[in-house]
PDB file of N, CA and C in Angstrom:
ATOM      1  N   MET A   1      -6.967 -16.489  13.266  1.00  0.00           N
ATOM      2  CA  MET A   1      -6.726 -17.317  12.117  1.00  0.00           C
ATOM      3  C   MET A   1      -6.550 -16.402  10.884  1.00  0.00           C
ATOM      4  N   PRO A   2      -5.480 -16.573  10.122  1.00  0.00           N
ATOM      5  CA  PRO A   2      -5.264 -15.750   8.936  1.00  0.00           C
ATOM      6  C   PRO A   2      -6.337 -15.973   7.884  1.00  0.00           C
ATOM      7  N   ALA A   3      -6.550 -14.945   7.074  1.00  0.00           N
ATOM      8  CA  ALA A   3      -7.525 -15.042   5.981  1.00  0.00           C
ATOM      9  C   ALA A   3      -7.126 -16.158   5.032  1.00  0.00           C
ATOM     10  N   PRO A   4      -8.070 -16.986   4.578  1.00  0.00           N
ATOM     11  CA  PRO A   4      -7.751 -18.116   3.699  1.00  0.00           C
ATOM     12  C   PRO A   4      -7.091 -17.697   2.384  1.00  0.00           C
ATOM     13  N   GLY A   5      -7.413 -16.501   1.888  1.00  0.00           N
ATOM     14  CA  GLY A   5      -6.839 -16.039   0.636  1.00  0.00           C
ATOM     15  C   GLY A   5      -5.334 -15.863   0.681  1.00  0.00           C
ATOM     16  N   ARG A   6      -4.781 -15.749   1.863  1.00  0.00           N
ATOM     17  CA  ARG A   6      -3.331 -15.575   1.993  1.00  0.00           C
ATOM     18  C   ARG A   6      -2.565 -16.831   1.590  1.00  0.00           C
ATOM     19  N   ALA A   7      -3.243 -17.934   1.446  1.00  0.00           N
ATOM     20  CA  ALA A   7      -2.574 -19.163   1.025  1.00  0.00           C
ATOM     21  C   ALA A   7      -2.407 -19.210  -0.499  1.00  0.00           C
ATOM     22  N   LEU A   8      -3.088 -18.341  -1.223  1.00  0.00           N
ATOM     23  CA  LEU A   8      -3.028 -18.344  -2.683  1.00  0.00           C
ATOM     24  C   LEU A   8      -1.776 -17.610  -3.168  1.00  0.00           C
ATOM     25  N   ARG A   9      -1.170 -18.128  -4.213  1.00  0.00           N
ATOM     26  CA  ARG A   9       0.027 -17.509  -4.780  1.00  0.00           C
ATOM     27  C   ARG A   9      -0.326 -16.136  -5.375  1.00  0.00           C
ATOM     28  N   GLY A  10       0.488 -15.132  -5.060  1.00  0.00           N
ATOM     29  CA  GLY A  10       0.302 -13.800  -5.625  1.00  0.00           C
ATOM     30  C   GLY A  10      -0.798 -12.973  -4.984  1.00  0.00           C
ATOM     31  N   TRP A  11      -1.259 -13.366  -3.808  1.00  0.00           N
ATOM     32  CA  TRP A  11      -2.359 -12.631  -3.185  1.00  0.00           C
ATOM     33  C   TRP A  11      -1.980 -11.191  -2.863  1.00  0.00           C
ATOM     34  N   GLU A  12      -0.699 -10.933  -2.594  1.00  0.00           N
ATOM     35  CA  GLU A  12      -0.264  -9.575  -2.284  1.00  0.00           C
ATOM     36  C   GLU A  12      -0.453  -8.656  -3.496  1.00  0.00           C
ATOM     37  N   THR A  13      -0.074  -9.146  -4.666  1.00  0.00           N
ATOM     38  CA  THR A  13      -0.223  -8.379  -5.902  1.00  0.00           C
ATOM     39  C   THR A  13      -1.687  -8.115  -6.198  1.00  0.00           C
ATOM     40  N   GLU A  14      -2.525  -9.111  -5.999  1.00  0.00           N
ATOM     41  CA  GLU A  14      -3.963  -8.956  -6.227  1.00  0.00           C
ATOM     42  C   GLU A  14      -4.565  -7.925  -5.279  1.00  0.00           C
ATOM     43  N   ALA A  15      -4.119  -7.922  -4.027  1.00  0.00           N
ATOM     44  CA  ALA A  15      -4.621  -6.955  -3.048  1.00  0.00           C
ATOM     45  C   ALA A  15      -4.255  -5.531  -3.467  1.00  0.00           C
ATOM     46  N   CYS A  16      -3.025  -5.326  -3.933  1.00  0.00           N
ATOM     47  CA  CYS A  16      -2.591  -3.999  -4.379  1.00  0.00           C
ATOM     48  C   CYS A  16      -3.355  -3.566  -5.624  1.00  0.00           C
ATOM     49  N   ALA A  17      -3.591  -4.496  -6.552  1.00  0.00           N
ATOM     50  CA  ALA A  17      -4.341  -4.185  -7.773  1.00  0.00           C
ATOM     51  C   ALA A  17      -5.775  -3.786  -7.439  1.00  0.00           C
ATOM     52  N   LEU A  18      -6.388  -4.482  -6.498  1.00  0.00           N
ATOM     53  CA  LEU A  18      -7.753  -4.154  -6.106  1.00  0.00           C
ATOM     54  C   LEU A  18      -7.803  -2.786  -5.431  1.00  0.00           C
ATOM     55  N   ALA A  19      -6.828  -2.494  -4.577  1.00  0.00           N
ATOM     56  CA  ALA A  19      -6.773  -1.176  -3.936  1.00  0.00           C
ATOM     57  C   ALA A  19      -6.613  -0.091  -4.992  1.00  0.00           C
ATOM     58  N   SER A  20      -5.787  -0.335  -6.000  1.00  0.00           N
ATOM     59  CA  SER A  20      -5.581   0.616  -7.085  1.00  0.00           C
ATOM     60  C   SER A  20      -6.884   0.881  -7.836  1.00  0.00           C
ATOM     61  N   LEU A  21      -7.603  -0.171  -8.158  1.00  0.00           N
ATOM     62  CA  LEU A  21      -8.876  -0.022  -8.871  1.00  0.00           C
ATOM     63  C   LEU A  21      -9.891   0.769  -8.056  1.00  0.00           C
ATOM     64  N   ARG A  22      -9.950   0.497  -6.772  1.00  0.00           N
ATOM     65  CA  ARG A  22     -10.890   1.219  -5.900  1.00  0.00           C
ATOM     66  C   ARG A  22     -10.557   2.706  -5.852  1.00  0.00           C
ATOM     67  N   LEU A  23      -9.264   3.027  -5.735  1.00  0.00           N
ATOM     68  CA  LEU A  23      -8.854   4.428  -5.690  1.00  0.00           C
ATOM     69  C   LEU A  23      -9.131   5.127  -7.014  1.00  0.00           C
ATOM     70  N   GLN A  24      -8.878   4.449  -8.124  1.00  0.00           N
ATOM     71  CA  GLN A  24      -9.146   5.041  -9.431  1.00  0.00           C
ATOM     72  C   GLN A  24     -10.637   5.311  -9.613  1.00  0.00           C
ATOM     73  N   ALA A  25     -11.460   4.443  -9.079  1.00  0.00           N
ATOM     74  CA  ALA A  25     -12.911   4.648  -9.161  1.00  0.00           C
ATOM     75  C   ALA A  25     -13.344   5.890  -8.392  1.00  0.00           C
ATOM     76  N   LEU A  26     -12.536   6.293  -7.412  1.00  0.00           N
ATOM     77  CA  LEU A  26     -12.820   7.506  -6.639  1.00  0.00           C
ATOM     78  C   LEU A  26     -12.200   8.751  -7.257  1.00  0.00           C
ATOM     79  N   GLY A  27     -11.501   8.578  -8.376  1.00  0.00           N
ATOM     80  CA  GLY A  27     -10.908   9.710  -9.062  1.00  0.00           C
ATOM     81  C   GLY A  27      -9.452   9.979  -8.721  1.00  0.00           C
ATOM     82  N   VAL A  28      -8.825   9.072  -8.022  1.00  0.00           N
ATOM     83  CA  VAL A  28      -7.416   9.226  -7.666  1.00  0.00           C
ATOM     84  C   VAL A  28      -6.559   8.750  -8.831  1.00  0.00           C
ATOM     85  N   SER A  29      -5.537   9.514  -9.166  1.00  0.00           N
ATOM     86  CA  SER A  29      -4.607   9.131 -10.226  1.00  0.00           C
ATOM     87  C   SER A  29      -3.510   8.245  -9.635  1.00  0.00           C
ATOM     88  N   VAL A  30      -3.489   6.986 -10.031  1.00  0.00           N
ATOM     89  CA  VAL A  30      -2.471   6.044  -9.546  1.00  0.00           C
ATOM     90  C   VAL A  30      -1.327   6.041 -10.548  1.00  0.00           C
ATOM     91  N   LYS A  31      -0.142   6.478 -10.087  1.00  0.00           N
ATOM     92  CA  LYS A  31       1.009   6.591 -10.975  1.00  0.00           C
ATOM     93  C   LYS A  31       1.843   5.316 -11.002  1.00  0.00           C
ATOM     94  N   ASP A  32       1.928   4.639  -9.881  1.00  0.00           N
ATOM     95  CA  ASP A  32       2.741   3.421  -9.798  1.00  0.00           C
ATOM     96  C   ASP A  32       2.017   2.448  -8.891  1.00  0.00           C
ATOM     97  N   ALA A  33       1.508   1.376  -9.469  1.00  0.00           N
ATOM     98  CA  ALA A  33       0.740   0.403  -8.695  1.00  0.00           C
ATOM     99  C   ALA A  33       1.513  -0.883  -8.484  1.00  0.00           C
ATOM    100  N   ALA A  34       2.819  -0.794  -8.598  1.00  0.00           N
ATOM    101  CA  ALA A  34       3.604  -2.027  -8.529  1.00  0.00           C
ATOM    102  C   ALA A  34       4.800  -1.903  -7.587  1.00  0.00           C
ATOM    103  N   ILE A  35       4.617  -1.243  -6.469  1.00  0.00           N
ATOM    104  CA  ILE A  35       5.713  -1.162  -5.503  1.00  0.00           C
ATOM    105  C   ILE A  35       5.641  -2.410  -4.617  1.00  0.00           C
ATOM    106  N   PRO A  36       6.638  -3.289  -4.710  1.00  0.00           N
ATOM    107  CA  PRO A  36       6.594  -4.512  -3.891  1.00  0.00           C
ATOM    108  C   PRO A  36       6.826  -4.194  -2.416  1.00  0.00           C
ATOM    109  N   ALA A  37       6.368  -5.082  -1.566  1.00  0.00           N
ATOM    110  CA  ALA A  37       6.532  -4.888  -0.123  1.00  0.00           C
ATOM    111  C   ALA A  37       7.998  -4.729   0.259  1.00  0.00           C
ATOM    112  N   THR A  38       8.886  -5.392  -0.483  1.00  0.00           N
ATOM    113  CA  THR A  38      10.313  -5.282  -0.180  1.00  0.00           C
ATOM    114  C   THR A  38      10.846  -3.889  -0.466  1.00  0.00           C
ATOM    115  N   GLY A  39      10.136  -3.106  -1.278  1.00  0.00           N
ATOM    116  CA  GLY A  39      10.545  -1.744  -1.581  1.00  0.00           C
ATOM    117  C   GLY A  39       9.931  -0.716  -0.649  1.00  0.00           C
ATOM    118  N   MET A  40       9.191  -1.179   0.327  1.00  0.00           N
ATOM    119  CA  MET A  40       8.517  -0.283   1.271  1.00  0.00           C
ATOM    120  C   MET A  40       9.246  -0.302   2.612  1.00  0.00           C
ATOM    121  N   LEU A  41       9.157   0.800   3.335  1.00  0.00           N
ATOM    122  CA  LEU A  41       9.726   0.870   4.682  1.00  0.00           C
ATOM    123  C   LEU A  41       8.702   0.489   5.735  1.00  0.00           C
ATOM    124  N   ASP A  42       7.459   0.378   5.331  1.00  0.00           N
ATOM    125  CA  ASP A  42       6.373   0.113   6.261  1.00  0.00           C
ATOM    126  C   ASP A  42       6.325  -1.367   6.630  1.00  0.00           C
ATOM    127  N   GLY A  43       6.331  -1.658   7.901  1.00  0.00           N
ATOM    128  CA  GLY A  43       6.208  -3.040   8.361  1.00  0.00           C
ATOM    129  C   GLY A  43       4.771  -3.336   8.709  1.00  0.00           C
ATOM    130  N   GLU A  44       4.580  -4.125   9.731  1.00  0.00           N
ATOM    131  CA  GLU A  44       3.227  -4.443  10.185  1.00  0.00           C
ATOM    132  C   GLU A  44       2.589  -3.231  10.844  1.00  0.00           C
ATOM    133  N   SER A  45       1.265  -3.155  10.760  1.00  0.00           N
ATOM    134  CA  SER A  45       0.542  -2.116  11.491  1.00  0.00           C
ATOM    135  C   SER A  45       0.510  -2.506  12.970  1.00  0.00           C
ATOM    136  N   PHE A  46       0.004  -1.622  13.794  1.00  0.00           N
ATOM    137  CA  PHE A  46      -0.063  -1.942  15.227  1.00  0.00           C
ATOM    138  C   PHE A  46      -1.020  -3.087  15.506  1.00  0.00           C
ATOM    139  N   THR A  47      -1.879  -3.446  14.542  1.00  0.00           N
ATOM    140  CA  THR A  47      -2.777  -4.590  14.711  1.00  0.00           C
ATOM    141  C   THR A  47      -2.177  -5.872  14.146  1.00  0.00           C
ATOM    142  N   GLY A  48      -0.985  -5.774  13.542  1.00  0.00           N
ATOM    143  CA  GLY A  48      -0.324  -6.951  13.001  1.00  0.00           C
ATOM    144  C   GLY A  48      -0.567  -7.200  11.529  1.00  0.00           C
ATOM    145  N   SER A  49      -1.284  -6.298  10.858  1.00  0.00           N
ATOM    146  CA  SER A  49      -1.545  -6.475   9.424  1.00  0.00           C
ATOM    147  C   SER A  49      -0.278  -6.147   8.638  1.00  0.00           C
ATOM    148  N   PRO A  50       0.169  -7.063   7.782  1.00  0.00           N
ATOM    149  CA  PRO A  50       1.411  -6.831   7.051  1.00  0.00           C
ATOM    150  C   PRO A  50       1.237  -5.845   5.897  1.00  0.00           C
ATOM    151  N   CYS A  51       2.304  -5.120   5.593  1.00  0.00           N
ATOM    152  CA  CYS A  51       2.333  -4.288   4.390  1.00  0.00           C
ATOM    153  C   CYS A  51       2.608  -5.234   3.229  1.00  0.00           C
ATOM    154  N   VAL A  52       1.697  -5.264   2.250  1.00  0.00           N
ATOM    155  CA  VAL A  52       1.848  -6.193   1.130  1.00  0.00           C
ATOM    156  C   VAL A  52       2.353  -5.515  -0.139  1.00  0.00           C
ATOM    157  N   GLY A  53       2.495  -4.210  -0.100  1.00  0.00           N
ATOM    158  CA  GLY A  53       2.983  -3.465  -1.251  1.00  0.00           C
ATOM    159  C   GLY A  53       2.601  -2.010  -1.131  1.00  0.00           C
ATOM    160  N   GLY A  54       2.797  -1.282  -2.225  1.00  0.00           N
ATOM    161  CA  GLY A  54       2.493   0.137  -2.178  1.00  0.00           C
ATOM    162  C   GLY A  54       2.004   0.672  -3.503  1.00  0.00           C
ATOM    163  N   LEU A  55       1.412   1.841  -3.439  1.00  0.00           N
ATOM    164  CA  LEU A  55       0.919   2.560  -4.609  1.00  0.00           C
ATOM    165  C   LEU A  55       1.428   3.994  -4.533  1.00  0.00           C
ATOM    166  N   ARG A  56       1.902   4.518  -5.647  1.00  0.00           N
ATOM    167  CA  ARG A  56       2.249   5.939  -5.718  1.00  0.00           C
ATOM    168  C   ARG A  56       1.069   6.623  -6.387  1.00  0.00           C
ATOM    169  N   ILE A  57       0.482   7.590  -5.690  1.00  0.00           N
ATOM    170  CA  ILE A  57      -0.698   8.265  -6.210  1.00  0.00           C
ATOM    171  C   ILE A  57      -0.462   9.756  -6.335  1.00  0.00           C
ATOM    172  N   HIS A  58      -1.262  10.379  -7.181  1.00  0.00           N
ATOM    173  CA  HIS A  58      -1.279  11.826  -7.326  1.00  0.00           C
ATOM    174  C   HIS A  58      -2.669  12.269  -6.916  1.00  0.00           C
ATOM    175  N   TRP A  59      -2.741  13.097  -5.880  1.00  0.00           N
ATOM    176  CA  TRP A  59      -4.028  13.556  -5.371  1.00  0.00           C
ATOM    177  C   TRP A  59      -3.955  15.063  -5.239  1.00  0.00           C
ATOM    178  N   TYR A  60      -4.732  15.760  -6.017  1.00  0.00           N
ATOM    179  CA  TYR A  60      -4.671  17.217  -6.141  1.00  0.00           C
ATOM    180  C   TYR A  60      -3.240  17.587  -6.525  1.00  0.00           C
ATOM    181  N   ALA A  61      -2.550  18.384  -5.735  1.00  0.00           N
ATOM    182  CA  ALA A  61      -1.187  18.805  -6.097  1.00  0.00           C
ATOM    183  C   ALA A  61      -0.126  17.990  -5.366  1.00  0.00           C
ATOM    184  N   HIS A  62      -0.507  16.877  -4.791  1.00  0.00           N
ATOM    185  CA  HIS A  62       0.415  16.098  -3.979  1.00  0.00           C
ATOM    186  C   HIS A  62       0.654  14.713  -4.565  1.00  0.00           C
ATOM    187  N   GLU A  63       1.876  14.250  -4.435  1.00  0.00           N
ATOM    188  CA  GLU A  63       2.201  12.881  -4.797  1.00  0.00           C
ATOM    189  C   GLU A  63       2.617  12.172  -3.518  1.00  0.00           C
ATOM    190  N   VAL A  64       1.959  11.075  -3.221  1.00  0.00           N
ATOM    191  CA  VAL A  64       2.261  10.326  -2.010  1.00  0.00           C
ATOM    192  C   VAL A  64       2.326   8.830  -2.321  1.00  0.00           C
ATOM    193  N   VAL A  65       2.989   8.121  -1.435  1.00  0.00           N
ATOM    194  CA  VAL A  65       3.033   6.668  -1.514  1.00  0.00           C
ATOM    195  C   VAL A  65       2.099   6.126  -0.440  1.00  0.00           C
ATOM    196  N   LEU A  66       1.270   5.181  -0.831  1.00  0.00           N
ATOM    197  CA  LEU A  66       0.374   4.526   0.117  1.00  0.00           C
ATOM    198  C   LEU A  66       0.890   3.122   0.403  1.00  0.00           C
ATOM    199  N   ALA A  67       0.867   2.747   1.655  1.00  0.00           N
ATOM    200  CA  ALA A  67       1.172   1.374   2.041  1.00  0.00           C
ATOM    201  C   ALA A  67      -0.142   0.602   2.030  1.00  0.00           C
ATOM    202  N   ILE A  68      -0.154  -0.534   1.361  1.00  0.00           N
ATOM    203  CA  ILE A  68      -1.355  -1.369   1.280  1.00  0.00           C
ATOM    204  C   ILE A  68      -1.194  -2.516   2.269  1.00  0.00           C
ATOM    205  N   ARG A  69      -2.211  -2.707   3.079  1.00  0.00           N
ATOM    206  CA  ARG A  69      -2.198  -3.781   4.067  1.00  0.00           C
ATOM    207  C   ARG A  69      -3.476  -4.603   3.937  1.00  0.00           C
ATOM    208  N   VAL A  70      -3.412  -5.834   4.408  1.00  0.00           N
ATOM    209  CA  VAL A  70      -4.571  -6.714   4.437  1.00  0.00           C
ATOM    210  C   VAL A  70      -4.662  -7.279   5.846  1.00  0.00           C
ATOM    211  N   ASP A  71      -5.824  -7.086   6.487  1.00  0.00           N
ATOM    212  CA  ASP A  71      -5.956  -7.601   7.846  1.00  0.00           C
ATOM    213  C   ASP A  71      -6.432  -9.051   7.839  1.00  0.00           C
ATOM    214  N   ASP A  72      -6.571  -9.641   9.007  1.00  0.00           N
ATOM    215  CA  ASP A  72      -6.941 -11.048   9.105  1.00  0.00           C
ATOM    216  C   ASP A  72      -8.367 -11.336   8.633  1.00  0.00           C
ATOM    217  N   ALA A  73      -9.171 -10.307   8.479  1.00  0.00           N
ATOM    218  CA  ALA A  73     -10.520 -10.493   7.954  1.00  0.00           C
ATOM    219  C   ALA A  73     -10.549 -10.276   6.441  1.00  0.00           C
ATOM    220  N   ALA A  74      -9.351 -10.163   5.825  1.00  0.00           N
ATOM    221  CA  ALA A  74      -9.179  -9.966   4.380  1.00  0.00           C
ATOM    222  C   ALA A  74      -9.609  -8.584   3.917  1.00  0.00           C
ATOM    223  N   GLU A  75      -9.701  -7.628   4.835  1.00  0.00           N
ATOM    224  CA  GLU A  75     -10.018  -6.251   4.469  1.00  0.00           C
ATOM    225  C   GLU A  75      -8.748  -5.588   3.948  1.00  0.00           C
ATOM    226  N   ILE A  76      -8.812  -5.028   2.744  1.00  0.00           N
ATOM    227  CA  ILE A  76      -7.675  -4.349   2.129  1.00  0.00           C
ATOM    228  C   ILE A  76      -7.794  -2.870   2.461  1.00  0.00           C
ATOM    229  N   TYR A  77      -6.734  -2.313   3.007  1.00  0.00           N
ATOM    230  CA  TYR A  77      -6.785  -0.883   3.313  1.00  0.00           C
ATOM    231  C   TYR A  77      -5.440  -0.232   3.045  1.00  0.00           C
ATOM    232  N   SER A  78      -5.484   1.066   2.831  1.00  0.00           N
ATOM    233  CA  SER A  78      -4.266   1.816   2.523  1.00  0.00           C
ATOM    234  C   SER A  78      -4.106   2.961   3.510  1.00  0.00           C
ATOM    235  N   ARG A  79      -2.848   3.262   3.787  1.00  0.00           N
ATOM    236  CA  ARG A  79      -2.489   4.390   4.649  1.00  0.00           C
ATOM    237  C   ARG A  79      -1.291   5.072   4.024  1.00  0.00           C
ATOM    238  N   VAL A  80      -1.104   6.335   4.311  1.00  0.00           N
ATOM    239  CA  VAL A  80       0.056   7.049   3.803  1.00  0.00           C
ATOM    240  C   VAL A  80       1.312   6.386   4.357  1.00  0.00           C
ATOM    241  N   SER A  81       2.226   6.068   3.458  1.00  0.00           N
ATOM    242  CA  SER A  81       3.475   5.404   3.832  1.00  0.00           C
ATOM    243  C   SER A  81       4.370   6.348   4.616  1.00  0.00           C
ATOM    244  N   ILE A  82       5.241   5.790   5.409  1.00  0.00           N
ATOM    245  CA  ILE A  82       6.156   6.622   6.183  1.00  0.00           C
ATOM    246  C   ILE A  82       7.106   7.403   5.281  1.00  0.00           C
ATOM    247  N   VAL A  83       7.353   6.949   4.050  1.00  0.00           N
ATOM    248  CA  VAL A  83       8.234   7.702   3.152  1.00  0.00           C
ATOM    249  C   VAL A  83       7.576   8.986   2.659  1.00  0.00           C
ATOM    250  N   SER A  84       6.261   9.117   2.784  1.00  0.00           N
ATOM    251  CA  SER A  84       5.554  10.312   2.332  1.00  0.00           C
ATOM    252  C   SER A  84       5.262  11.286   3.459  1.00  0.00           C
ATOM    253  N   ARG A  85       5.607  10.942   4.658  1.00  0.00           N
ATOM    254  CA  ARG A  85       5.338  11.833   5.779  1.00  0.00           C
ATOM    255  C   ARG A  85       6.372  12.954   5.826  1.00  0.00           C
ATOM    256  N   PRO A  86       5.940  14.166   6.146  1.00  0.00           N
ATOM    257  CA  PRO A  86       6.852  15.314   6.142  1.00  0.00           C
ATOM    258  C   PRO A  86       8.050  15.191   7.082  1.00  0.00           C
ATOM    259  N   ASP A  87       7.911  14.429   8.151  1.00  0.00           N
ATOM    260  CA  ASP A  87       9.003  14.326   9.115  1.00  0.00           C
ATOM    261  C   ASP A  87      10.017  13.253   8.746  1.00  0.00           C
ATOM    262  N   ASN A  88       9.882  12.623   7.569  1.00  0.00           N
ATOM    263  CA  ASN A  88      10.804  11.585   7.142  1.00  0.00           C
ATOM    264  C   ASN A  88      11.939  12.215   6.340  1.00  0.00           C
ATOM    265  N   ASP A  89      13.145  12.215   6.888  1.00  0.00           N
ATOM    266  CA  ASP A  89      14.301  12.831   6.232  1.00  0.00           C
ATOM    267  C   ASP A  89      14.821  12.004   5.068  1.00  0.00           C
ATOM    268  N   ASP A  90      14.521  10.717   5.026  1.00  0.00           N
ATOM    269  CA  ASP A  90      15.059   9.824   3.999  1.00  0.00           C
ATOM    270  C   ASP A  90      14.130   9.658   2.812  1.00  0.00           C
ATOM    271  N   GLU A  91      13.141  10.519   2.658  1.00  0.00           N
ATOM    272  CA  GLU A  91      12.140  10.342   1.624  1.00  0.00           C
ATOM    273  C   GLU A  91      12.734  10.179   0.232  1.00  0.00           C
ATOM    274  N   GLU A  92      13.698  10.994  -0.126  1.00  0.00           N
ATOM    275  CA  GLU A  92      14.249  10.952  -1.478  1.00  0.00           C
ATOM    276  C   GLU A  92      14.975   9.637  -1.762  1.00  0.00           C
ATOM    277  N   SER A  93      15.591   9.054  -0.755  1.00  0.00           N
ATOM    278  CA  SER A  93      16.385   7.844  -0.984  1.00  0.00           C
ATOM    279  C   SER A  93      15.534   6.588  -1.138  1.00  0.00           C
ATOM    280  N   HIS A  94      14.225   6.672  -0.905  1.00  0.00           N
ATOM    281  CA  HIS A  94      13.379   5.483  -0.965  1.00  0.00           C
ATOM    282  C   HIS A  94      12.361   5.545  -2.085  1.00  0.00           C
ATOM    283  N   ASP A  95      12.499   6.488  -3.008  1.00  0.00           N
ATOM    284  CA  ASP A  95      11.540   6.598  -4.114  1.00  0.00           C
ATOM    285  C   ASP A  95      11.805   5.594  -5.185  1.00  0.00           C
TER     286      ASP A  95
END
């Protein structure tokens, strides 16, 4: 059964904003917290959790894009997006 919060309008934006706040509390510099899911190449995770958006962060000397997902238990989590992986040849075209 999907998380009840998914029925609320704008829940994807709220999930990304919360992930951004959590990362900032850990000292991560969030450069762009408004990458919509349509601007991401990341689809569902292997568990079926949808990508709801992305964050561009600066961590030490690296800039990466994180894909934000929300699972069926309403847990918000982030993973490095496929556009930030070294083996992705199309990285520049998706920034």
